[in-house]
Amino acid sequence: VNCPAPVKVICKNLRFLIAHNPTNATLNKFREELKKYGFTTILRVCEATYDTTLREKEGIHILDYHFKHRN
C-alpha cells in the first residue's frame, strides 16, 4: 500500500500530524512516525481501520470524533 507521508502542522502552541488512515498492515510504520514526532494522542475522525489495543498499551491515546456525512 502506497500511502502519502504524514504532514506535521504547527499552529501557535499546537502540533498536529496529518496522516493517511492506517490499517493493521501499516500500523508499525504509523507507530514509528508518531514516536518520531513525539505524538502521544491520536484524534481519529474516520472509521476505525486498525486495532487500538496495541497503541494504548504503548501509551498512545486514541480519541474518536466521527463526523456525520451529509448528502
Protein backbone atom coordinates (compact mmCIF):
# COMPACT_ATOMS: atom_id res chain seq x y z
CA VAL A 1 0.00 0.00 0.00
CA ASN A 2 1.42 3.37 -1.03
CA CYS A 3 0.32 5.99 1.49
CA PRO A 4 1.29 9.65 1.44
CA ALA A 5 3.83 10.75 4.01
CA PRO A 6 2.45 12.35 7.19
CA VAL A 7 2.46 16.14 7.33
CA LYS A 8 3.38 17.98 10.52
CA VAL A 9 1.36 21.18 11.13
CA ILE A 10 2.12 23.70 13.88
CA CYS A 11 -0.37 26.41 14.86
CA LYS A 12 0.68 28.55 17.82
CA ASN A 13 1.47 26.03 20.59
CA LEU A 14 -0.47 23.13 18.98
CA ARG A 15 1.15 20.43 16.90
CA PHE A 16 -0.70 18.12 14.51
CA LEU A 17 0.42 15.19 12.39
CA ILE A 18 -1.96 14.68 9.47
CA ALA A 19 -1.66 11.08 8.32
CA HIS A 20 -3.31 8.72 5.89
CA ASN A 21 -5.77 6.32 7.53
CA PRO A 22 -3.58 3.45 8.84
CA THR A 23 -4.58 -0.19 8.77
CA ASN A 24 -3.35 -3.19 10.78
CA ALA A 25 -0.92 -3.84 7.89
CA THR A 26 0.63 -0.34 8.09
CA LEU A 27 0.33 0.15 11.86
CA ASN A 28 4.02 -0.38 12.66
CA LYS A 29 5.09 2.35 10.24
CA PHE A 30 2.39 4.64 11.64
CA ARG A 31 3.64 3.98 15.19
CA GLU A 32 7.19 4.84 14.11
CA GLU A 33 6.00 8.17 12.69
CA LEU A 34 4.13 9.02 15.90
CA LYS A 35 7.21 8.31 18.01
CA LYS A 36 9.48 10.16 15.57
CA TYR A 37 7.48 13.35 16.07
CA GLY A 38 6.75 12.75 19.77
CA PHE A 39 2.97 12.41 19.47
CA THR A 40 1.04 10.56 22.17
CA THR A 41 -2.60 11.25 21.22
CA ILE A 42 -4.50 10.33 18.07
CA LEU A 43 -7.71 12.12 17.16
CA ARG A 44 -9.42 9.76 14.76
CA VAL A 45 -12.06 11.42 12.54
CA CYS A 46 -12.74 8.42 10.33
CA GLU A 47 -13.95 4.89 10.86
CA ALA A 48 -11.61 2.57 12.75
CA THR A 49 -9.36 0.62 10.38
CA TYR A 50 -6.94 -0.80 12.95
CA ASP A 51 -6.91 -2.41 16.37
CA THR A 52 -6.23 0.19 19.07
CA THR A 53 -5.20 -2.24 21.82
CA LEU A 54 -1.50 -2.21 20.94
CA ARG A 55 -1.39 1.59 20.69
CA GLU A 56 -2.97 2.07 24.11
CA LYS A 57 -0.52 -0.40 25.68
CA GLU A 58 2.31 1.73 24.28
CA GLY A 59 0.91 4.89 25.87
CA ILE A 60 -0.72 6.30 22.73
CA HIS A 61 -4.21 7.58 23.49
CA ILE A 62 -6.89 7.37 20.81
CA LEU A 63 -9.88 9.70 20.76
CA ASP A 64 -12.71 9.15 18.27
CA TYR A 65 -14.54 12.15 16.82
CA HIS A 66 -16.53 10.99 13.82
CA PHE A 67 -18.17 13.48 11.50
CA LYS A 68 -21.61 12.81 10.15
CA HIS A 69 -21.65 12.77 6.36
CA ARG A 70 -24.19 14.98 4.65
CA ASN A 71 -25.55 14.21 1.21
